[in-house]
């Protein structure tokens, strides 16, 4: 994978230096895990970026905030799955939160392919996330009484949306801006609007909006 705006061999050191400056704790004993698991994290990122229609395949720009946001998640999640190293994973999570204003914990299983339009204000609980997920600013996925939603493949969450509790967002559902889905199911392949008295209204899309975001969906 081509890395833009930084020499590839400096990426691990760059991440660690960001942690030093923004989360200045003295313990650096797990910093070596960043370099150790960087190849796998970049492989996961490459697969994701190469499937996003508006991004150039095989190219990672560290100054592209959405790409860097996804990279930090993959790096923290990879280290967590391979090492269960809480300290460095927490620092990478906090770094992502400080740089990109996103709350995506390293234990969460995000899909292989997803797109972040703008990361500011996104909060993601430990829910089930399907592939080809689209997230925009201030979108929230949260639990209710310990119950987490299920989000199927090809879901779009536009700005200021919320999916809470025992909800199932069906395949290729599009949650329109400002809509809250709380303990409810959506209809597949429909745009979801807010109706009267917190009801949901489902309408058919006139075109395949998901193809604007991803290749081969």
N, C-alpha and C. Protein backbone atom coordinates (compact mmCIF):
# COMPACT_ATOMS: atom_id res chain seq x y z
N UNK A 1 0.84 -1.19 0.00
CA UNK A 1 0.00 0.00 0.00
C UNK A 1 0.88 1.25 0.00
N UNK A 2 0.59 2.17 -0.90
CA UNK A 2 1.33 3.43 -0.95
C UNK A 2 0.89 4.34 0.19
N UNK A 3 1.84 4.86 0.92
CA UNK A 3 1.55 5.81 2.00
C UNK A 3 1.98 7.20 1.54
N UNK A 4 1.07 8.15 1.62
CA UNK A 4 1.29 9.50 1.13
C UNK A 4 1.51 10.44 2.30
N UNK A 5 2.42 11.38 2.14
CA UNK A 5 2.74 12.44 3.10
C UNK A 5 3.55 11.96 4.31
N UNK A 6 4.09 10.76 4.22
CA UNK A 6 5.01 10.26 5.25
C UNK A 6 5.73 9.04 4.70
N UNK A 7 7.03 8.95 4.99
CA UNK A 7 7.75 7.76 4.58
C UNK A 7 7.19 6.54 5.30
N UNK A 8 6.98 5.45 4.57
CA UNK A 8 6.34 4.25 5.12
C UNK A 8 7.06 3.75 6.37
N UNK A 9 8.39 3.82 6.37
CA UNK A 9 9.15 3.31 7.49
C UNK A 9 9.03 4.13 8.76
N UNK A 10 8.43 5.31 8.66
CA UNK A 10 8.29 6.19 9.82
C UNK A 10 6.88 6.14 10.43
N UNK A 11 5.97 5.36 9.85
CA UNK A 11 4.58 5.41 10.29
C UNK A 11 4.41 4.97 11.74
N UNK A 12 5.05 3.88 12.13
CA UNK A 12 4.91 3.39 13.51
C UNK A 12 5.46 4.43 14.48
N UNK A 13 6.61 5.00 14.18
CA UNK A 13 7.19 6.03 15.05
C UNK A 13 6.32 7.27 15.11
N UNK A 14 5.71 7.59 13.99
CA UNK A 14 4.79 8.75 13.92
C UNK A 14 3.60 8.55 14.87
N UNK A 15 2.99 7.37 14.84
CA UNK A 15 1.87 7.08 15.74
C UNK A 15 2.30 7.17 17.21
N UNK A 16 3.44 6.59 17.51
CA UNK A 16 3.92 6.60 18.90
C UNK A 16 4.24 8.01 19.37
N UNK A 17 4.79 8.83 18.47
CA UNK A 17 5.10 10.22 18.85
C UNK A 17 3.82 11.01 19.09
N UNK A 18 2.78 10.75 18.31
CA UNK A 18 1.48 11.40 18.57
C UNK A 18 0.96 11.03 19.95
N UNK A 19 1.10 9.75 20.32
CA UNK A 19 0.67 9.32 21.64
C UNK A 19 1.48 10.05 22.72
N UNK A 20 2.78 10.14 22.53
CA UNK A 20 3.64 10.82 23.52
C UNK A 20 3.18 12.26 23.74
N UNK A 21 2.82 12.93 22.68
CA UNK A 21 2.49 14.35 22.78
C UNK A 21 1.07 14.59 23.30
N UNK A 22 0.14 13.72 22.93
CA UNK A 22 -1.26 13.95 23.29
C UNK A 22 -1.71 13.16 24.52
N UNK A 23 -1.04 12.05 24.80
CA UNK A 23 -1.38 11.24 25.96
C UNK A 23 -0.07 10.97 26.70
N UNK A 24 0.48 11.95 27.39
CA UNK A 24 1.86 11.88 27.89
C UNK A 24 2.04 11.07 29.16
N UNK A 25 1.73 9.77 29.08
CA UNK A 25 2.04 8.88 30.19
C UNK A 25 3.43 8.29 29.97
N UNK A 26 4.11 7.94 31.05
CA UNK A 26 5.49 7.51 30.94
C UNK A 26 5.71 6.10 30.40
N UNK A 27 4.73 5.20 30.56
CA UNK A 27 4.92 3.80 30.20
C UNK A 27 4.87 3.61 28.69
N UNK A 28 5.97 3.20 28.10
CA UNK A 28 6.03 2.95 26.66
C UNK A 28 6.39 1.49 26.36
N UNK A 29 6.16 0.62 27.31
CA UNK A 29 6.60 -0.77 27.15
C UNK A 29 5.88 -1.49 26.02
N UNK A 30 4.69 -1.03 25.65
CA UNK A 30 3.93 -1.71 24.59
C UNK A 30 4.05 -1.02 23.23
N UNK A 31 4.86 0.02 23.14
CA UNK A 31 4.98 0.75 21.88
C UNK A 31 5.50 -0.14 20.75
N UNK A 32 6.29 -1.13 21.06
CA UNK A 32 6.81 -2.02 20.04
C UNK A 32 5.73 -2.80 19.31
N UNK A 33 4.56 -2.94 19.94
CA UNK A 33 3.47 -3.67 19.31
C UNK A 33 2.89 -2.91 18.12
N UNK A 34 3.07 -1.59 18.11
CA UNK A 34 2.58 -0.79 16.98
C UNK A 34 3.31 -1.21 15.70
N UNK A 35 4.62 -1.26 15.75
CA UNK A 35 5.39 -1.66 14.58
C UNK A 35 5.16 -3.13 14.24
N UNK A 36 5.03 -3.97 15.26
CA UNK A 36 4.84 -5.41 15.03
C UNK A 36 3.57 -5.69 14.25
N UNK A 37 2.49 -5.00 14.58
CA UNK A 37 1.20 -5.31 13.97
C UNK A 37 0.78 -4.31 12.91
N UNK A 38 1.67 -3.39 12.57
CA UNK A 38 1.37 -2.41 11.54
C UNK A 38 1.08 -3.05 10.18
N UNK A 39 1.84 -4.06 9.72
CA UNK A 39 1.54 -4.65 8.41
C UNK A 39 0.12 -5.21 8.31
N UNK A 40 -0.35 -5.89 9.36
CA UNK A 40 -1.72 -6.43 9.30
C UNK A 40 -2.75 -5.32 9.29
N UNK A 41 -2.53 -4.28 10.10
CA UNK A 41 -3.46 -3.15 10.13
C UNK A 41 -3.52 -2.46 8.77
N UNK A 42 -2.37 -2.30 8.12
CA UNK A 42 -2.34 -1.67 6.80
C UNK A 42 -3.00 -2.55 5.74
N UNK A 43 -2.87 -3.86 5.89
CA UNK A 43 -3.54 -4.78 4.97
C UNK A 43 -5.05 -4.64 5.09
N UNK A 44 -5.55 -4.53 6.31
CA UNK A 44 -6.99 -4.35 6.52
C UNK A 44 -7.45 -2.99 5.96
N UNK A 45 -6.62 -1.97 6.19
CA UNK A 45 -6.95 -0.64 5.68
C UNK A 45 -6.97 -0.62 4.16
N UNK A 46 -6.00 -1.27 3.54
CA UNK A 46 -5.92 -1.33 2.09
C UNK A 46 -7.17 -1.94 1.50
N UNK A 47 -7.65 -3.02 2.10
CA UNK A 47 -8.87 -3.68 1.62
C UNK A 47 -10.06 -2.74 1.72
N UNK A 48 -10.13 -1.99 2.80
CA UNK A 48 -11.24 -1.05 2.99
C UNK A 48 -11.16 0.10 2.01
N UNK A 49 -10.01 0.76 1.97
CA UNK A 49 -9.84 1.93 1.10
C UNK A 49 -10.06 1.56 -0.37
N UNK A 50 -9.57 0.41 -0.78
CA UNK A 50 -9.67 0.01 -2.18
C UNK A 50 -11.09 -0.29 -2.61
N UNK A 51 -11.99 -0.44 -1.67
CA UNK A 51 -13.40 -0.70 -2.00
C UNK A 51 -14.28 0.53 -1.87
N UNK A 52 -13.71 1.66 -1.44
CA UNK A 52 -14.46 2.91 -1.36
C UNK A 52 -14.34 3.64 -2.69
N UNK A 53 -15.47 3.94 -3.30
CA UNK A 53 -15.48 4.44 -4.67
C UNK A 53 -14.76 5.77 -4.84
N UNK A 54 -14.83 6.64 -3.85
CA UNK A 54 -14.26 7.98 -4.02
C UNK A 54 -12.79 8.04 -3.61
N UNK A 55 -12.22 6.94 -3.11
CA UNK A 55 -10.82 6.91 -2.73
C UNK A 55 -10.01 6.13 -3.75
N UNK A 56 -8.77 6.53 -3.94
CA UNK A 56 -7.88 5.84 -4.87
C UNK A 56 -7.42 4.53 -4.25
N UNK A 57 -7.63 3.44 -4.95
CA UNK A 57 -7.26 2.12 -4.44
C UNK A 57 -5.76 2.04 -4.20
N UNK A 58 -5.41 1.40 -3.07
CA UNK A 58 -4.01 1.17 -2.76
C UNK A 58 -3.25 2.38 -2.28
N UNK A 59 -3.95 3.43 -1.87
CA UNK A 59 -3.30 4.68 -1.48
C UNK A 59 -3.84 5.14 -0.13
N UNK A 60 -2.95 5.36 0.83
CA UNK A 60 -3.30 5.81 2.17
C UNK A 60 -2.62 7.16 2.42
N UNK A 61 -3.43 8.19 2.55
CA UNK A 61 -2.94 9.53 2.84
C UNK A 61 -3.12 9.79 4.33
N UNK A 62 -2.03 9.91 5.06
CA UNK A 62 -2.15 10.08 6.51
C UNK A 62 -2.74 11.44 6.87
N UNK A 63 -2.78 12.38 5.91
CA UNK A 63 -3.40 13.68 6.16
C UNK A 63 -4.87 13.70 5.75
N UNK A 64 -5.37 12.55 5.30
CA UNK A 64 -6.82 12.41 5.04
C UNK A 64 -7.44 11.92 6.35
N UNK A 65 -8.19 12.79 7.01
CA UNK A 65 -8.62 12.49 8.38
C UNK A 65 -9.49 11.25 8.48
N UNK A 66 -10.37 11.01 7.49
CA UNK A 66 -11.22 9.82 7.56
C UNK A 66 -10.40 8.55 7.39
N UNK A 67 -9.44 8.57 6.47
CA UNK A 67 -8.58 7.41 6.29
C UNK A 67 -7.73 7.16 7.53
N UNK A 68 -7.19 8.22 8.10
CA UNK A 68 -6.36 8.05 9.29
C UNK A 68 -7.19 7.58 10.48
N UNK A 69 -8.42 8.04 10.56
CA UNK A 69 -9.34 7.60 11.61
C UNK A 69 -9.58 6.09 11.51
N UNK A 70 -9.86 5.61 10.31
CA UNK A 70 -10.09 4.18 10.10
C UNK A 70 -8.82 3.39 10.39
N UNK A 71 -7.67 3.93 9.97
CA UNK A 71 -6.39 3.27 10.24
C UNK A 71 -6.15 3.09 11.73
N UNK A 72 -6.39 4.13 12.53
CA UNK A 72 -6.16 4.03 13.98
C UNK A 72 -7.08 2.98 14.60
N UNK A 73 -8.33 2.88 14.10
CA UNK A 73 -9.21 1.83 14.61
C UNK A 73 -8.63 0.45 14.26
N UNK A 74 -8.28 0.24 12.98
CA UNK A 74 -7.76 -1.07 12.59
C UNK A 74 -6.49 -1.43 13.36
N UNK A 75 -5.63 -0.45 13.60
CA UNK A 75 -4.40 -0.71 14.33
C UNK A 75 -4.70 -1.13 15.76
N UNK A 76 -5.57 -0.39 16.44
CA UNK A 76 -5.90 -0.73 17.84
C UNK A 76 -6.62 -2.06 17.92
N UNK A 77 -7.54 -2.32 16.99
CA UNK A 77 -8.30 -3.57 17.00
C UNK A 77 -7.42 -4.76 16.68
N UNK A 78 -6.47 -4.58 15.75
CA UNK A 78 -5.54 -5.66 15.41
C UNK A 78 -4.67 -6.03 16.60
N UNK A 79 -4.11 -5.01 17.25
CA UNK A 79 -3.28 -5.27 18.42
C UNK A 79 -4.10 -5.94 19.52
N UNK A 80 -5.34 -5.50 19.70
CA UNK A 80 -6.19 -6.09 20.74
C UNK A 80 -6.46 -7.56 20.46
N UNK A 81 -6.81 -7.88 19.22
CA UNK A 81 -7.13 -9.27 18.88
C UNK A 81 -5.91 -10.18 18.98
N UNK A 82 -4.74 -9.65 18.66
CA UNK A 82 -3.53 -10.47 18.66
C UNK A 82 -2.84 -10.54 20.02
N UNK A 83 -2.93 -9.48 20.80
CA UNK A 83 -2.12 -9.37 22.01
C UNK A 83 -2.91 -9.13 23.30
N UNK A 84 -4.15 -8.64 23.17
CA UNK A 84 -4.93 -8.21 24.35
C UNK A 84 -4.13 -7.21 25.21
N UNK A 85 -3.44 -6.30 24.52
CA UNK A 85 -2.58 -5.31 25.19
C UNK A 85 -3.40 -4.06 25.48
N UNK A 86 -3.95 -3.99 26.68
CA UNK A 86 -4.92 -2.95 27.01
C UNK A 86 -4.33 -1.55 26.94
N UNK A 87 -3.12 -1.37 27.43
CA UNK A 87 -2.56 -0.01 27.55
C UNK A 87 -2.39 0.65 26.19
N UNK A 88 -1.71 0.00 25.25
CA UNK A 88 -1.47 0.63 23.96
C UNK A 88 -2.76 0.75 23.16
N UNK A 89 -3.66 -0.21 23.28
CA UNK A 89 -4.95 -0.13 22.58
C UNK A 89 -5.77 1.03 23.10
N UNK A 90 -5.76 1.23 24.41
CA UNK A 90 -6.48 2.37 24.99
C UNK A 90 -5.89 3.68 24.51
N UNK A 91 -4.57 3.77 24.44
CA UNK A 91 -3.93 5.00 23.99
C UNK A 91 -4.25 5.29 22.52
N UNK A 92 -4.30 4.27 21.69
CA UNK A 92 -4.67 4.46 20.29
C UNK A 92 -6.13 4.88 20.17
N UNK A 93 -6.99 4.30 20.99
CA UNK A 93 -8.40 4.70 21.03
C UNK A 93 -8.53 6.16 21.43
N UNK A 94 -7.81 6.58 22.48
CA UNK A 94 -7.87 7.96 22.93
C UNK A 94 -7.25 8.91 21.91
N UNK A 95 -6.20 8.46 21.22
CA UNK A 95 -5.61 9.28 20.17
C UNK A 95 -6.62 9.53 19.06
N UNK A 96 -7.33 8.50 18.65
CA UNK A 96 -8.36 8.65 17.62
C UNK A 96 -9.46 9.60 18.09
N UNK A 97 -9.79 9.50 19.35
CA UNK A 97 -10.83 10.36 19.90
C UNK A 97 -10.39 11.82 19.90
N UNK A 98 -9.14 12.08 20.24
CA UNK A 98 -8.63 13.43 20.27
C UNK A 98 -8.46 14.02 18.87
N UNK A 99 -7.95 13.24 17.95
CA UNK A 99 -7.70 13.74 16.60
C UNK A 99 -8.97 13.87 15.77
N UNK A 100 -9.89 12.90 15.93
CA UNK A 100 -11.02 12.81 15.00
C UNK A 100 -12.39 12.90 15.66
N UNK A 101 -12.42 13.07 16.99
CA UNK A 101 -13.68 13.25 17.72
C UNK A 101 -14.65 12.09 17.48
N UNK A 102 -14.10 10.88 17.44
CA UNK A 102 -14.91 9.68 17.26
C UNK A 102 -14.72 8.76 18.45
N UNK A 103 -15.79 8.07 18.83
CA UNK A 103 -15.73 7.10 19.92
C UNK A 103 -15.97 5.71 19.32
N UNK A 104 -14.87 5.04 18.95
CA UNK A 104 -14.95 3.69 18.40
C UNK A 104 -13.93 2.84 19.14
N UNK A 105 -14.41 2.08 20.11
CA UNK A 105 -13.54 1.33 21.02
C UNK A 105 -12.84 0.20 20.28
N UNK A 106 -11.66 -0.13 20.73
CA UNK A 106 -10.85 -1.13 20.02
C UNK A 106 -11.43 -2.53 20.06
N UNK A 107 -12.31 -2.84 21.00
CA UNK A 107 -12.92 -4.17 21.06
C UNK A 107 -14.08 -4.33 20.09
N UNK A 108 -14.59 -3.25 19.56
CA UNK A 108 -15.72 -3.31 18.63
C UNK A 108 -15.28 -3.97 17.33
N UNK A 109 -16.13 -4.83 16.78
CA UNK A 109 -15.84 -5.48 15.51
C UNK A 109 -16.50 -4.69 14.38
N UNK A 110 -15.75 -3.74 13.86
CA UNK A 110 -16.22 -3.01 12.69
C UNK A 110 -16.06 -3.90 11.45
N UNK A 111 -16.79 -3.59 10.38
CA UNK A 111 -16.72 -4.45 9.19
C UNK A 111 -15.42 -4.30 8.42
N UNK A 112 -15.21 -5.19 7.47
CA UNK A 112 -14.02 -5.14 6.62
C UNK A 112 -14.02 -3.92 5.72
N UNK A 113 -15.20 -3.48 5.32
CA UNK A 113 -15.33 -2.34 4.42
C UNK A 113 -16.35 -1.38 5.01
N UNK A 114 -15.92 -0.17 5.32
CA UNK A 114 -16.84 0.87 5.75
C UNK A 114 -16.28 2.23 5.38
N UNK A 115 -17.15 3.23 5.41
CA UNK A 115 -16.78 4.58 4.98
C UNK A 115 -17.24 5.57 6.04
N UNK A 116 -16.34 6.50 6.38
CA UNK A 116 -16.68 7.60 7.28
C UNK A 116 -16.64 8.89 6.48
N UNK A 117 -17.78 9.56 6.40
CA UNK A 117 -17.83 10.83 5.71
C UNK A 117 -17.15 11.92 6.51
N UNK A 118 -17.65 12.13 7.72
CA UNK A 118 -17.04 13.05 8.69
C UNK A 118 -17.13 12.38 10.04
N UNK A 119 -16.02 12.30 10.75
CA UNK A 119 -15.98 11.50 11.98
C UNK A 119 -16.49 12.21 13.22
N UNK A 120 -16.62 13.53 13.16
CA UNK A 120 -16.92 14.31 14.36
C UNK A 120 -18.25 13.88 14.99
N UNK A 121 -18.19 13.48 16.25
CA UNK A 121 -19.39 13.17 17.00
C UNK A 121 -19.93 11.76 16.81
N UNK A 122 -19.25 10.91 16.05
CA UNK A 122 -19.71 9.53 15.87
C UNK A 122 -19.43 8.74 17.15
N UNK A 123 -20.45 8.04 17.66
CA UNK A 123 -20.33 7.21 18.86
C UNK A 123 -20.87 5.82 18.53
N UNK A 124 -20.03 4.81 18.69
CA UNK A 124 -20.40 3.45 18.30
C UNK A 124 -20.28 2.50 19.49
N UNK A 125 -21.38 1.85 19.83
CA UNK A 125 -21.39 0.87 20.90
C UNK A 125 -20.94 -0.48 20.36
N UNK A 126 -20.79 -1.45 21.26
CA UNK A 126 -20.46 -2.82 20.87
C UNK A 126 -21.71 -3.49 20.32
N UNK A 127 -21.98 -3.20 19.07
CA UNK A 127 -23.14 -3.75 18.38
C UNK A 127 -22.66 -4.67 17.26
N UNK A 128 -23.58 -5.14 16.43
CA UNK A 128 -23.25 -5.96 15.27
C UNK A 128 -23.30 -5.07 14.04
N UNK A 129 -22.19 -5.01 13.31
CA UNK A 129 -22.09 -4.11 12.16
C UNK A 129 -21.85 -4.92 10.89
N UNK A 130 -22.70 -4.71 9.91
CA UNK A 130 -22.55 -5.37 8.63
C UNK A 130 -21.58 -4.64 7.72
N UNK A 131 -21.22 -5.30 6.63
CA UNK A 131 -20.27 -4.74 5.68
C UNK A 131 -20.88 -3.58 4.89
N UNK A 132 -20.01 -2.77 4.27
CA UNK A 132 -20.42 -1.63 3.46
C UNK A 132 -21.30 -0.66 4.27
N UNK A 133 -20.79 -0.32 5.43
CA UNK A 133 -21.46 0.62 6.33
C UNK A 133 -20.98 2.03 6.03
N UNK A 134 -21.91 2.99 6.02
CA UNK A 134 -21.59 4.40 5.82
C UNK A 134 -21.98 5.18 7.06
N UNK A 135 -21.05 5.97 7.58
CA UNK A 135 -21.27 6.75 8.79
C UNK A 135 -20.98 8.22 8.53
N UNK A 136 -21.85 9.08 9.05
CA UNK A 136 -21.63 10.51 8.97
C UNK A 136 -21.64 11.12 10.37
N UNK A 137 -21.31 12.41 10.44
CA UNK A 137 -21.12 13.08 11.71
C UNK A 137 -22.34 12.98 12.62
N UNK A 138 -22.03 12.83 13.92
CA UNK A 138 -23.05 12.77 14.97
C UNK A 138 -24.01 11.60 14.83
N UNK A 139 -23.59 10.55 14.13
CA UNK A 139 -24.40 9.33 14.12
C UNK A 139 -24.03 8.48 15.34
N UNK A 140 -25.04 7.87 15.93
CA UNK A 140 -24.87 7.13 17.18
C UNK A 140 -25.47 5.74 17.06
N UNK A 141 -24.72 4.75 17.52
CA UNK A 141 -25.24 3.40 17.70
C UNK A 141 -25.05 3.06 19.17
N UNK A 142 -26.16 2.81 19.87
CA UNK A 142 -26.05 2.64 21.31
C UNK A 142 -26.92 1.54 21.86
N UNK A 143 -26.57 1.10 23.06
CA UNK A 143 -27.34 0.07 23.76
C UNK A 143 -28.48 0.70 24.56
N UNK A 144 -29.47 -0.14 24.86
CA UNK A 144 -30.56 0.24 25.75
C UNK A 144 -30.83 -0.94 26.68
N UNK A 145 -30.61 -0.72 27.98
CA UNK A 145 -30.74 -1.81 28.96
C UNK A 145 -29.87 -3.00 28.59
N UNK A 146 -28.68 -2.70 28.10
CA UNK A 146 -27.73 -3.75 27.77
C UNK A 146 -27.94 -4.43 26.42
N UNK A 147 -28.98 -4.04 25.69
CA UNK A 147 -29.28 -4.64 24.39
C UNK A 147 -28.73 -3.75 23.29
N UNK A 148 -27.97 -4.34 22.37
CA UNK A 148 -27.33 -3.58 21.30
C UNK A 148 -28.03 -3.86 19.97
N UNK A 149 -28.00 -2.89 19.06
CA UNK A 149 -28.63 -3.08 17.75
C UNK A 149 -27.86 -4.04 16.87
N UNK A 150 -28.53 -4.49 15.82
CA UNK A 150 -27.91 -5.25 14.73
C UNK A 150 -28.06 -4.43 13.46
N UNK A 151 -26.94 -4.15 12.83
CA UNK A 151 -26.93 -3.37 11.60
C UNK A 151 -26.47 -4.30 10.48
N UNK A 152 -27.33 -4.56 9.53
CA UNK A 152 -27.02 -5.48 8.45
C UNK A 152 -26.18 -4.80 7.38
N UNK A 153 -25.91 -5.51 6.28
CA UNK A 153 -25.02 -5.00 5.23
C UNK A 153 -25.62 -3.81 4.49
N UNK A 154 -24.74 -2.89 4.10
CA UNK A 154 -25.14 -1.82 3.20
C UNK A 154 -25.99 -0.74 3.81
N UNK A 155 -25.77 -0.44 5.08
CA UNK A 155 -26.59 0.56 5.78
C UNK A 155 -25.89 1.92 5.74
N UNK A 156 -26.68 2.97 5.54
CA UNK A 156 -26.17 4.34 5.55
C UNK A 156 -26.79 5.09 6.72
N UNK A 157 -25.94 5.66 7.57
CA UNK A 157 -26.40 6.50 8.68
C UNK A 157 -25.99 7.94 8.37
N UNK A 158 -26.95 8.75 7.97
CA UNK A 158 -26.68 10.14 7.65
C UNK A 158 -26.52 10.97 8.94
N UNK A 159 -26.12 12.25 8.86
CA UNK A 159 -25.83 13.03 10.07
C UNK A 159 -26.97 13.06 11.08
N UNK A 160 -26.58 13.05 12.35
CA UNK A 160 -27.50 13.22 13.48
C UNK A 160 -28.54 12.10 13.57
N UNK A 161 -28.15 10.90 13.20
CA UNK A 161 -29.03 9.74 13.32
C UNK A 161 -28.66 8.93 14.56
N UNK A 162 -29.61 8.11 15.01
CA UNK A 162 -29.36 7.25 16.16
C UNK A 162 -30.04 5.91 15.94
N UNK A 163 -29.32 4.84 16.25
CA UNK A 163 -29.87 3.49 16.24
C UNK A 163 -29.61 2.92 17.63
N UNK A 164 -30.68 2.65 18.37
CA UNK A 164 -30.55 2.36 19.79
C UNK A 164 -31.28 1.06 20.15
N UNK A 165 -30.69 0.33 21.09
CA UNK A 165 -31.36 -0.81 21.73
C UNK A 165 -31.61 -1.97 20.80
N UNK A 166 -32.76 -2.62 20.99
CA UNK A 166 -33.08 -3.84 20.24
C UNK A 166 -33.59 -3.55 18.85
N UNK A 167 -32.86 -2.78 18.10
CA UNK A 167 -33.23 -2.45 16.72
C UNK A 167 -32.47 -3.33 15.75
N UNK A 168 -33.09 -3.64 14.65
CA UNK A 168 -32.41 -4.32 13.54
C UNK A 168 -32.58 -3.45 12.31
N UNK A 169 -31.47 -2.92 11.84
CA UNK A 169 -31.49 -2.10 10.63
C UNK A 169 -31.22 -3.02 9.46
N UNK A 170 -32.23 -3.22 8.66
CA UNK A 170 -32.17 -4.23 7.61
C UNK A 170 -31.26 -3.81 6.46
N UNK A 171 -30.94 -4.80 5.66
CA UNK A 171 -30.01 -4.63 4.54
C UNK A 171 -30.37 -3.45 3.66
N UNK A 172 -29.36 -2.60 3.39
CA UNK A 172 -29.47 -1.44 2.51
C UNK A 172 -30.52 -0.43 2.99
N UNK A 173 -30.74 -0.39 4.27
CA UNK A 173 -31.56 0.69 4.82
C UNK A 173 -30.76 1.98 4.81
N UNK A 174 -31.45 3.08 4.54
CA UNK A 174 -30.83 4.39 4.57
C UNK A 174 -31.55 5.22 5.63
N UNK A 175 -30.84 5.56 6.69
CA UNK A 175 -31.45 6.33 7.78
C UNK A 175 -31.26 7.80 7.46
N UNK A 176 -32.34 8.51 7.17
CA UNK A 176 -32.26 9.91 6.77
C UNK A 176 -31.79 10.78 7.93
N UNK A 177 -31.33 11.95 7.60
CA UNK A 177 -30.76 12.86 8.59
C UNK A 177 -31.73 13.15 9.73
N UNK A 178 -31.23 13.01 10.96
CA UNK A 178 -32.01 13.35 12.14
C UNK A 178 -32.97 12.29 12.63
N UNK A 179 -32.98 11.11 12.01
CA UNK A 179 -33.93 10.05 12.37
C UNK A 179 -33.37 9.20 13.50
N UNK A 180 -34.22 8.83 14.45
CA UNK A 180 -33.86 7.94 15.54
C UNK A 180 -34.63 6.63 15.40
N UNK A 181 -33.90 5.52 15.41
CA UNK A 181 -34.50 4.19 15.36
C UNK A 181 -34.24 3.56 16.73
N UNK A 182 -35.28 3.45 17.54
CA UNK A 182 -35.13 3.01 18.93
C UNK A 182 -36.00 1.78 19.16
N UNK A 183 -35.34 0.65 19.41
CA UNK A 183 -36.03 -0.61 19.67
C UNK A 183 -37.02 -0.96 18.56
N UNK A 184 -36.62 -0.72 17.32
CA UNK A 184 -37.49 -1.02 16.18
C UNK A 184 -36.67 -1.62 15.05
N UNK A 185 -37.36 -2.24 14.10
CA UNK A 185 -36.72 -2.76 12.90
C UNK A 185 -37.06 -1.86 11.72
N UNK A 186 -36.14 -1.78 10.77
CA UNK A 186 -36.43 -1.07 9.53
C UNK A 186 -36.80 -2.06 8.44
N UNK A 187 -37.29 -1.53 7.35
CA UNK A 187 -37.56 -2.36 6.18
C UNK A 187 -36.34 -2.34 5.26
N UNK A 188 -35.99 -3.49 4.68
CA UNK A 188 -34.80 -3.52 3.83
C UNK A 188 -34.98 -2.69 2.57
N UNK A 189 -33.88 -2.11 2.11
CA UNK A 189 -33.82 -1.37 0.84
C UNK A 189 -34.82 -0.22 0.81
N UNK A 190 -34.94 0.45 1.96
CA UNK A 190 -35.84 1.60 2.06
C UNK A 190 -35.13 2.76 2.75
N UNK A 191 -35.56 3.98 2.40
CA UNK A 191 -35.11 5.16 3.13
C UNK A 191 -36.03 5.34 4.33
N UNK A 192 -35.43 5.59 5.49
CA UNK A 192 -36.20 5.69 6.74
C UNK A 192 -36.30 7.16 7.14
N UNK A 193 -37.54 7.63 7.25
CA UNK A 193 -37.81 9.00 7.69
C UNK A 193 -38.52 8.98 9.04
N UNK A 194 -38.44 10.10 9.75
CA UNK A 194 -39.15 10.22 11.02
C UNK A 194 -40.59 10.60 10.75
N UNK A 195 -41.52 9.83 11.31
CA UNK A 195 -42.93 10.13 11.16
C UNK A 195 -43.49 10.83 12.38
N UNK A 196 -44.80 10.99 12.41
CA UNK A 196 -45.46 11.64 13.53
C UNK A 196 -45.39 10.75 14.77
N UNK A 197 -45.26 11.40 15.93
CA UNK A 197 -45.23 10.70 17.23
C UNK A 197 -44.18 9.60 17.25
N UNK A 198 -43.00 9.93 16.72
CA UNK A 198 -41.84 9.03 16.75
C UNK A 198 -42.02 7.74 15.95
N UNK A 199 -42.95 7.73 15.03
CA UNK A 199 -43.07 6.58 14.13
C UNK A 199 -42.02 6.67 13.04
N UNK A 200 -41.84 5.58 12.31
CA UNK A 200 -40.92 5.57 11.19
C UNK A 200 -41.69 5.42 9.89
N UNK A 201 -41.24 6.12 8.89
CA UNK A 201 -41.86 6.07 7.57
C UNK A 201 -40.82 5.51 6.59
N UNK A 202 -41.23 4.54 5.78
CA UNK A 202 -40.31 3.87 4.86
C UNK A 202 -40.72 4.19 3.42
N UNK A 203 -39.72 4.62 2.65
CA UNK A 203 -39.96 4.96 1.25
C UNK A 203 -38.88 4.32 0.38
N UNK A 204 -39.28 3.94 -0.81
CA UNK A 204 -38.35 3.33 -1.74
C UNK A 204 -37.43 4.38 -2.35
N UNK A 205 -36.16 4.04 -2.46
CA UNK A 205 -35.21 4.94 -3.09
C UNK A 205 -35.33 4.85 -4.61
N UNK A 206 -35.14 5.96 -5.28
CA UNK A 206 -35.25 5.99 -6.72
C UNK A 206 -34.01 5.45 -7.42
N UNK A 207 -32.91 5.33 -6.68
CA UNK A 207 -31.68 4.83 -7.27
C UNK A 207 -30.85 4.14 -6.19
N UNK A 208 -29.79 3.49 -6.62
CA UNK A 208 -28.92 2.76 -5.70
C UNK A 208 -27.89 3.72 -5.11
N UNK A 209 -28.22 4.34 -3.98
CA UNK A 209 -27.34 5.34 -3.36
C UNK A 209 -26.05 4.70 -2.87
N UNK A 210 -26.12 3.44 -2.44
CA UNK A 210 -24.94 2.78 -1.87
C UNK A 210 -23.80 2.70 -2.89
N UNK A 211 -24.13 2.61 -4.17
CA UNK A 211 -23.10 2.50 -5.21
C UNK A 211 -22.31 3.80 -5.36
N UNK A 212 -22.81 4.90 -4.78
CA UNK A 212 -22.05 6.15 -4.77
C UNK A 212 -20.83 6.04 -3.85
N UNK A 213 -20.91 5.14 -2.87
CA UNK A 213 -19.87 5.03 -1.86
C UNK A 213 -18.89 3.90 -2.11
N UNK A 214 -19.36 2.79 -2.65
CA UNK A 214 -18.52 1.58 -2.73
C UNK A 214 -18.49 1.01 -4.14
N UNK A 215 -17.38 0.36 -4.43
CA UNK A 215 -17.26 -0.39 -5.68
C UNK A 215 -17.89 -1.77 -5.49
N UNK A 216 -18.55 -2.25 -6.50
CA UNK A 216 -19.06 -3.63 -6.53
C UNK A 216 -19.97 -3.95 -5.35
N UNK A 217 -21.05 -3.19 -5.19
CA UNK A 217 -22.05 -3.51 -4.16
C UNK A 217 -23.39 -3.78 -4.83
